[in-house]
Amino acid sequence: RGFGLDVPTSQANFVWLPLGDGAAAFGQV
């Protein structure tokens, strides 16, 4: 969130980054 991402509150052992069409590029980096 400090990086400016609107990360929803997770109740699991993972977090979700709502990056839309930028998801694949983020994964590649």
PDB file of all heavy atoms in Angstrom:
ATOM      1  N   ARG A   1       0.836  -1.211   0.000  1.00  0.00           N
ATOM      2  CA  ARG A   1       0.000   0.000   0.000  1.00  0.00           C
ATOM      3  C   ARG A   1       0.865   1.253   0.000  1.00  0.00           C
ATOM      4  O   ARG A   1       0.484   2.269  -0.589  1.00  0.00           O
ATOM      5  CB  ARG A   1      -0.935  -0.032   1.205  1.00  0.00           C
ATOM      6  CG  ARG A   1      -2.065  -1.053   1.072  1.00  0.00           C
ATOM      7  CD  ARG A   1      -2.886  -1.167   2.349  1.00  0.00           C
ATOM      8  NE  ARG A   1      -4.005  -2.093   2.171  1.00  0.00           N
ATOM      9  CZ  ARG A   1      -4.768  -2.542   3.174  1.00  0.00           C
ATOM     10  NH1 ARG A   1      -4.528  -2.142   4.420  1.00  0.00           N
ATOM     11  NH2 ARG A   1      -5.754  -3.387   2.929  1.00  0.00           N
ATOM     12  N   GLY A   2       2.014   1.142   0.648  1.00  0.00           N
ATOM     13  CA  GLY A   2       2.948   2.257   0.633  1.00  0.00           C
ATOM     14  C   GLY A   2       3.498   2.559  -0.749  1.00  0.00           C
ATOM     15  O   GLY A   2       3.919   3.688  -1.033  1.00  0.00           O
ATOM     16  N   PHE A   3       3.477   1.549  -1.623  1.00  0.00           N
ATOM     17  CA  PHE A   3       3.896   1.744  -3.020  1.00  0.00           C
ATOM     18  C   PHE A   3       2.766   2.342  -3.863  1.00  0.00           C
ATOM     19  O   PHE A   3       2.944   2.572  -5.055  1.00  0.00           O
ATOM     20  CB  PHE A   3       4.315   0.423  -3.653  1.00  0.00           C
ATOM     21  CG  PHE A   3       5.529  -0.217  -3.028  1.00  0.00           C
ATOM     22  CD1 PHE A   3       5.730  -1.588  -3.148  1.00  0.00           C
ATOM     23  CD2 PHE A   3       6.464   0.538  -2.336  1.00  0.00           C
ATOM     24  CE1 PHE A   3       6.844  -2.192  -2.584  1.00  0.00           C
ATOM     25  CE2 PHE A   3       7.590  -0.059  -1.762  1.00  0.00           C
ATOM     26  CZ  PHE A   3       7.774  -1.430  -1.886  1.00  0.00           C
ATOM     27  N   GLY A   4       1.611   2.551  -3.247  1.00  0.00           N
ATOM     28  CA  GLY A   4       0.484   3.140  -3.965  1.00  0.00           C
ATOM     29  C   GLY A   4      -0.525   2.153  -4.492  1.00  0.00           C
ATOM     30  O   GLY A   4      -1.448   2.545  -5.226  1.00  0.00           O
ATOM     31  N   LEU A   5      -0.391   0.869  -4.133  1.00  0.00           N
ATOM     32  CA  LEU A   5      -1.336  -0.147  -4.603  1.00  0.00           C
ATOM     33  C   LEU A   5      -2.542  -0.236  -3.677  1.00  0.00           C
ATOM     34  O   LEU A   5      -2.411  -0.175  -2.445  1.00  0.00           O
ATOM     35  CB  LEU A   5      -0.661  -1.514  -4.670  1.00  0.00           C
ATOM     36  CG  LEU A   5       0.321  -1.748  -5.818  1.00  0.00           C
ATOM     37  CD1 LEU A   5       0.961  -3.123  -5.677  1.00  0.00           C
ATOM     38  CD2 LEU A   5      -0.389  -1.643  -7.157  1.00  0.00           C
ATOM     39  N   ASP A   6      -3.714  -0.429  -4.266  1.00  0.00           N
ATOM     40  CA  ASP A   6      -4.948  -0.591  -3.495  1.00  0.00           C
ATOM     41  C   ASP A   6      -5.126  -2.079  -3.173  1.00  0.00           C
ATOM     42  O   ASP A   6      -5.964  -2.766  -3.755  1.00  0.00           O
ATOM     43  CB  ASP A   6      -6.136  -0.061  -4.300  1.00  0.00           C
ATOM     44  CG  ASP A   6      -7.442  -0.137  -3.510  1.00  0.00           C
ATOM     45  OD1 ASP A   6      -7.380  -0.213  -2.272  1.00  0.00           O
ATOM     46  OD2 ASP A   6      -8.509  -0.131  -4.153  1.00  0.00           O
ATOM     47  N   VAL A   7      -4.325  -2.583  -2.236  1.00  0.00           N
ATOM     48  CA  VAL A   7      -4.323  -4.003  -1.900  1.00  0.00           C
ATOM     49  C   VAL A   7      -5.459  -4.290  -0.921  1.00  0.00           C
ATOM     50  O   VAL A   7      -5.506  -3.691   0.161  1.00  0.00           O
ATOM     51  CB  VAL A   7      -2.974  -4.415  -1.278  1.00  0.00           C
ATOM     52  CG1 VAL A   7      -2.982  -5.885  -0.883  1.00  0.00           C
ATOM     53  CG2 VAL A   7      -1.838  -4.130  -2.255  1.00  0.00           C
ATOM     54  N   PRO A   8      -6.395  -5.185  -1.259  1.00  0.00           N
ATOM     55  CA  PRO A   8      -7.474  -5.490  -0.332  1.00  0.00           C
ATOM     56  C   PRO A   8      -6.953  -6.234   0.889  1.00  0.00           C
ATOM     57  O   PRO A   8      -5.912  -6.897   0.843  1.00  0.00           O
ATOM     58  CB  PRO A   8      -8.416  -6.375  -1.159  1.00  0.00           C
ATOM     59  CG  PRO A   8      -7.560  -6.968  -2.217  1.00  0.00           C
ATOM     60  CD  PRO A   8      -6.506  -5.943  -2.527  1.00  0.00           C
ATOM     61  N   THR A   9      -7.668  -6.127   1.984  1.00  0.00           N
ATOM     62  CA  THR A   9      -7.304  -6.830   3.206  1.00  0.00           C
ATOM     63  C   THR A   9      -7.487  -8.324   3.001  1.00  0.00           C
ATOM     64  O   THR A   9      -8.560  -8.784   2.612  1.00  0.00           O
ATOM     65  CB  THR A   9      -8.170  -6.355   4.387  1.00  0.00           C
ATOM     66  OG1 THR A   9      -7.918  -4.960   4.594  1.00  0.00           O
ATOM     67  CG2 THR A   9      -7.833  -7.126   5.648  1.00  0.00           C
ATOM     68  N   SER A  10      -6.432  -9.087   3.242  1.00  0.00           N
ATOM     69  CA  SER A  10      -6.466 -10.534   3.036  1.00  0.00           C
ATOM     70  C   SER A  10      -6.664 -11.256   4.351  1.00  0.00           C
ATOM     71  O   SER A  10      -6.133 -10.867   5.389  1.00  0.00           O
ATOM     72  CB  SER A  10      -5.163 -11.008   2.392  1.00  0.00           C
ATOM     73  OG  SER A  10      -5.113 -12.425   2.324  1.00  0.00           O
ATOM     74  N   GLN A  11      -7.424 -12.348   4.296  1.00  0.00           N
ATOM     75  CA  GLN A  11      -7.595 -13.241   5.434  1.00  0.00           C
ATOM     76  C   GLN A  11      -6.996 -14.614   5.129  1.00  0.00           C
ATOM     77  O   GLN A  11      -7.293 -15.592   5.815  1.00  0.00           O
ATOM     78  CB  GLN A  11      -9.075 -13.378   5.787  1.00  0.00           C
ATOM     79  CG  GLN A  11      -9.689 -12.126   6.366  1.00  0.00           C
ATOM     80  CD  GLN A  11      -9.157 -11.808   7.751  1.00  0.00           C
ATOM     81  OE1 GLN A  11      -9.239 -12.618   8.659  1.00  0.00           O
ATOM     82  NE2 GLN A  11      -8.588 -10.609   7.920  1.00  0.00           N
ATOM     83  N   ALA A  12      -6.129 -14.668   4.138  1.00  0.00           N
ATOM     84  CA  ALA A  12      -5.508 -15.927   3.730  1.00  0.00           C
ATOM     85  C   ALA A  12      -3.993 -15.817   3.864  1.00  0.00           C
ATOM     86  O   ALA A  12      -3.484 -14.922   4.548  1.00  0.00           O
ATOM     87  CB  ALA A  12      -5.915 -16.263   2.299  1.00  0.00           C
ATOM     88  N   ASN A  13      -3.247 -16.701   3.225  1.00  0.00           N
ATOM     89  CA  ASN A  13      -1.785 -16.622   3.295  1.00  0.00           C
ATOM     90  C   ASN A  13      -1.200 -16.066   1.999  1.00  0.00           C
ATOM     91  O   ASN A  13      -0.128 -16.454   1.560  1.00  0.00           O
ATOM     92  CB  ASN A  13      -1.170 -17.993   3.618  1.00  0.00           C
ATOM     93  CG  ASN A  13      -1.305 -18.988   2.479  1.00  0.00           C
ATOM     94  OD1 ASN A  13      -2.285 -18.956   1.729  1.00  0.00           O
ATOM     95  ND2 ASN A  13      -0.345 -19.888   2.341  1.00  0.00           N
ATOM     96  N   PHE A  14      -1.923 -15.138   1.416  1.00  0.00           N
ATOM     97  CA  PHE A  14      -1.470 -14.464   0.204  1.00  0.00           C
ATOM     98  C   PHE A  14      -2.088 -13.080   0.152  1.00  0.00           C
ATOM     99  O   PHE A  14      -3.015 -12.771   0.917  1.00  0.00           O
ATOM    100  CB  PHE A  14      -1.852 -15.264  -1.048  1.00  0.00           C
ATOM    101  CG  PHE A  14      -3.314 -15.615  -1.119  1.00  0.00           C
ATOM    102  CD1 PHE A  14      -4.249 -14.720  -1.626  1.00  0.00           C
ATOM    103  CD2 PHE A  14      -3.775 -16.835  -0.662  1.00  0.00           C
ATOM    104  CE1 PHE A  14      -5.598 -15.026  -1.680  1.00  0.00           C
ATOM    105  CE2 PHE A  14      -5.123 -17.166  -0.712  1.00  0.00           C
ATOM    106  CZ  PHE A  14      -6.032 -16.260  -1.219  1.00  0.00           C
ATOM    107  N   VAL A  15      -1.563 -12.252  -0.731  1.00  0.00           N
ATOM    108  CA  VAL A  15      -2.130 -10.925  -0.957  1.00  0.00           C
ATOM    109  C   VAL A  15      -2.430 -10.772  -2.443  1.00  0.00           C
ATOM    110  O   VAL A  15      -1.854 -11.469  -3.287  1.00  0.00           O
ATOM    111  CB  VAL A  15      -1.186  -9.805  -0.484  1.00  0.00           C
ATOM    112  CG1 VAL A  15      -1.049  -9.826   1.028  1.00  0.00           C
ATOM    113  CG2 VAL A  15       0.189  -9.916  -1.151  1.00  0.00           C
ATOM    114  N   TRP A  16      -3.333  -9.868  -2.754  1.00  0.00           N
ATOM    115  CA  TRP A  16      -3.803  -9.640  -4.126  1.00  0.00           C
ATOM    116  C   TRP A  16      -3.421  -8.241  -4.569  1.00  0.00           C
ATOM    117  O   TRP A  16      -3.716  -7.256  -3.886  1.00  0.00           O
ATOM    118  CB  TRP A  16      -5.314  -9.815  -4.186  1.00  0.00           C
ATOM    119  CG  TRP A  16      -5.966  -9.539  -5.505  1.00  0.00           C
ATOM    120  CD1 TRP A  16      -6.812  -8.518  -5.797  1.00  0.00           C
ATOM    121  CD2 TRP A  16      -5.859 -10.322  -6.704  1.00  0.00           C
ATOM    122  NE1 TRP A  16      -7.252  -8.607  -7.105  1.00  0.00           N
ATOM    123  CE2 TRP A  16      -6.677  -9.699  -7.682  1.00  0.00           C
ATOM    124  CE3 TRP A  16      -5.158 -11.478  -7.047  1.00  0.00           C
ATOM    125  CZ2 TRP A  16      -6.800 -10.204  -8.969  1.00  0.00           C
ATOM    126  CZ3 TRP A  16      -5.280 -11.976  -8.330  1.00  0.00           C
ATOM    127  CH2 TRP A  16      -6.100 -11.356  -9.276  1.00  0.00           C
ATOM    128  N   LEU A  17      -2.766  -8.184  -5.716  1.00  0.00           N
ATOM    129  CA  LEU A  17      -2.379  -6.910  -6.313  1.00  0.00           C
ATOM    130  C   LEU A  17      -3.262  -6.680  -7.539  1.00  0.00           C
ATOM    131  O   LEU A  17      -3.093  -7.353  -8.567  1.00  0.00           O
ATOM    132  CB  LEU A  17      -0.904  -6.928  -6.741  1.00  0.00           C
ATOM    133  CG  LEU A  17       0.179  -6.845  -5.657  1.00  0.00           C
ATOM    134  CD1 LEU A  17       0.095  -8.006  -4.679  1.00  0.00           C
ATOM    135  CD2 LEU A  17       1.555  -6.792  -6.287  1.00  0.00           C
ATOM    136  N   PRO A  18      -4.232  -5.766  -7.468  1.00  0.00           N
ATOM    137  CA  PRO A  18      -5.170  -5.562  -8.583  1.00  0.00           C
ATOM    138  C   PRO A  18      -4.546  -4.737  -9.700  1.00  0.00           C
ATOM    139  O   PRO A  18      -4.875  -3.566  -9.898  1.00  0.00           O
ATOM    140  CB  PRO A  18      -6.338  -4.834  -7.911  1.00  0.00           C
ATOM    141  CG  PRO A  18      -5.711  -4.089  -6.772  1.00  0.00           C
ATOM    142  CD  PRO A  18      -4.570  -4.936  -6.290  1.00  0.00           C
ATOM    143  N   LEU A  19      -3.698  -5.389 -10.480  1.00  0.00           N
ATOM    144  CA  LEU A  19      -2.920  -4.693 -11.503  1.00  0.00           C
ATOM    145  C   LEU A  19      -3.542  -4.741 -12.884  1.00  0.00           C
ATOM    146  O   LEU A  19      -2.994  -4.161 -13.822  1.00  0.00           O
ATOM    147  CB  LEU A  19      -1.499  -5.275 -11.546  1.00  0.00           C
ATOM    148  CG  LEU A  19      -0.666  -5.029 -10.288  1.00  0.00           C
ATOM    149  CD1 LEU A  19       0.637  -5.806 -10.343  1.00  0.00           C
ATOM    150  CD2 LEU A  19      -0.401  -3.541 -10.107  1.00  0.00           C
ATOM    151  N   GLY A  20      -4.640  -5.463 -13.061  1.00  0.00           N
ATOM    152  CA  GLY A  20      -5.325  -5.496 -14.346  1.00  0.00           C
ATOM    153  C   GLY A  20      -4.435  -5.971 -15.476  1.00  0.00           C
ATOM    154  O   GLY A  20      -3.784  -7.019 -15.382  1.00  0.00           O
ATOM    155  N   ASP A  21      -4.364  -5.191 -16.527  1.00  0.00           N
ATOM    156  CA  ASP A  21      -3.580  -5.574 -17.703  1.00  0.00           C
ATOM    157  C   ASP A  21      -2.070  -5.543 -17.450  1.00  0.00           C
ATOM    158  O   ASP A  21      -1.291  -5.989 -18.292  1.00  0.00           O
ATOM    159  CB  ASP A  21      -3.921  -4.669 -18.883  1.00  0.00           C
ATOM    160  CG  ASP A  21      -5.338  -4.901 -19.399  1.00  0.00           C
ATOM    161  OD1 ASP A  21      -5.867  -6.003 -19.165  1.00  0.00           O
ATOM    162  OD2 ASP A  21      -5.904  -3.983 -20.017  1.00  0.00           O
ATOM    163  N   GLY A  22      -1.672  -5.012 -16.311  1.00  0.00           N
ATOM    164  CA  GLY A  22      -0.248  -4.984 -15.996  1.00  0.00           C
ATOM    165  C   GLY A  22       0.228  -6.193 -15.224  1.00  0.00           C
ATOM    166  O   GLY A  22       1.403  -6.261 -14.824  1.00  0.00           O
ATOM    167  N   ALA A  23      -0.655  -7.186 -15.015  1.00  0.00           N
ATOM    168  CA  ALA A  23      -0.315  -8.332 -14.171  1.00  0.00           C
ATOM    169  C   ALA A  23       0.847  -9.139 -14.738  1.00  0.00           C
ATOM    170  O   ALA A  23       1.792  -9.492 -14.022  1.00  0.00           O
ATOM    171  CB  ALA A  23      -1.544  -9.219 -13.978  1.00  0.00           C
ATOM    172  N   ALA A  24       0.779  -9.468 -16.025  1.00  0.00           N
ATOM    173  CA  ALA A  24       1.820 -10.310 -16.622  1.00  0.00           C
ATOM    174  C   ALA A  24       3.183  -9.619 -16.592  1.00  0.00           C
ATOM    175  O   ALA A  24       4.206 -10.251 -16.283  1.00  0.00           O
ATOM    176  CB  ALA A  24       1.441 -10.688 -18.049  1.00  0.00           C
ATOM    177  N   ALA A  25       3.206  -8.340 -16.916  1.00  0.00           N
ATOM    178  CA  ALA A  25       4.471  -7.602 -16.917  1.00  0.00           C
ATOM    179  C   ALA A  25       5.060  -7.555 -15.512  1.00  0.00           C
ATOM    180  O   ALA A  25       6.286  -7.699 -15.334  1.00  0.00           O
ATOM    181  CB  ALA A  25       4.254  -6.193 -17.456  1.00  0.00           C
ATOM    182  N   PHE A  26       4.232  -7.353 -14.515  1.00  0.00           N
ATOM    183  CA  PHE A  26       4.700  -7.351 -13.124  1.00  0.00           C
ATOM    184  C   PHE A  26       5.321  -8.705 -12.781  1.00  0.00           C
ATOM    185  O   PHE A  26       6.402  -8.772 -12.189  1.00  0.00           O
ATOM    186  CB  PHE A  26       3.531  -7.048 -12.186  1.00  0.00           C
ATOM    187  CG  PHE A  26       3.899  -7.018 -10.726  1.00  0.00           C
ATOM    188  CD1 PHE A  26       4.254  -5.825 -10.110  1.00  0.00           C
ATOM    189  CD2 PHE A  26       3.884  -8.176  -9.956  1.00  0.00           C
ATOM    190  CE1 PHE A  26       4.595  -5.786  -8.757  1.00  0.00           C
ATOM    191  CE2 PHE A  26       4.227  -8.154  -8.614  1.00  0.00           C
ATOM    192  CZ  PHE A  26       4.574  -6.959  -8.010  1.00  0.00           C
ATOM    193  N   GLY A  27       4.641  -9.774 -13.175  1.00  0.00           N
ATOM    194  CA  GLY A  27       5.155 -11.110 -12.907  1.00  0.00           C
ATOM    195  C   GLY A  27       6.494 -11.355 -13.576  1.00  0.00           C
ATOM    196  O   GLY A  27       7.387 -11.994 -12.999  1.00  0.00           O
ATOM    197  N   GLN A  28       6.653 -10.840 -14.779  1.00  0.00           N
ATOM    198  CA  GLN A  28       7.922 -11.032 -15.501  1.00  0.00           C
ATOM    199  C   GLN A  28       9.069 -10.309 -14.820  1.00  0.00           C
ATOM    200  O   GLN A  28      10.178 -10.841 -14.724  1.00  0.00           O
ATOM    201  CB  GLN A  28       7.755 -10.557 -16.945  1.00  0.00           C
ATOM    202  CG  GLN A  28       6.867 -11.465 -17.789  1.00  0.00           C
ATOM    203  CD  GLN A  28       6.499 -10.855 -19.130  1.00  0.00           C
ATOM    204  OE1 GLN A  28       6.885  -9.720 -19.431  1.00  0.00           O
ATOM    205  NE2 GLN A  28       5.756 -11.591 -19.930  1.00  0.00           N
ATOM    206  N   VAL A  29       8.819  -9.100 -14.329  1.00  0.00           N
ATOM    207  CA  VAL A  29       9.874  -8.377 -13.622  1.00  0.00           C
ATOM    208  C   VAL A  29      10.259  -9.111 -12.348  1.00  0.00           C
ATOM    209  O   VAL A  29      11.446  -9.253 -12.020  1.00  0.00           O
ATOM    210  CB  VAL A  29       9.440  -6.937 -13.314  1.00  0.00           C
ATOM    211  CG1 VAL A  29      10.469  -6.244 -12.418  1.00  0.00           C
ATOM    212  CG2 VAL A  29       9.238  -6.144 -14.592  1.00  0.00           C
TER     213      VAL A  29
END
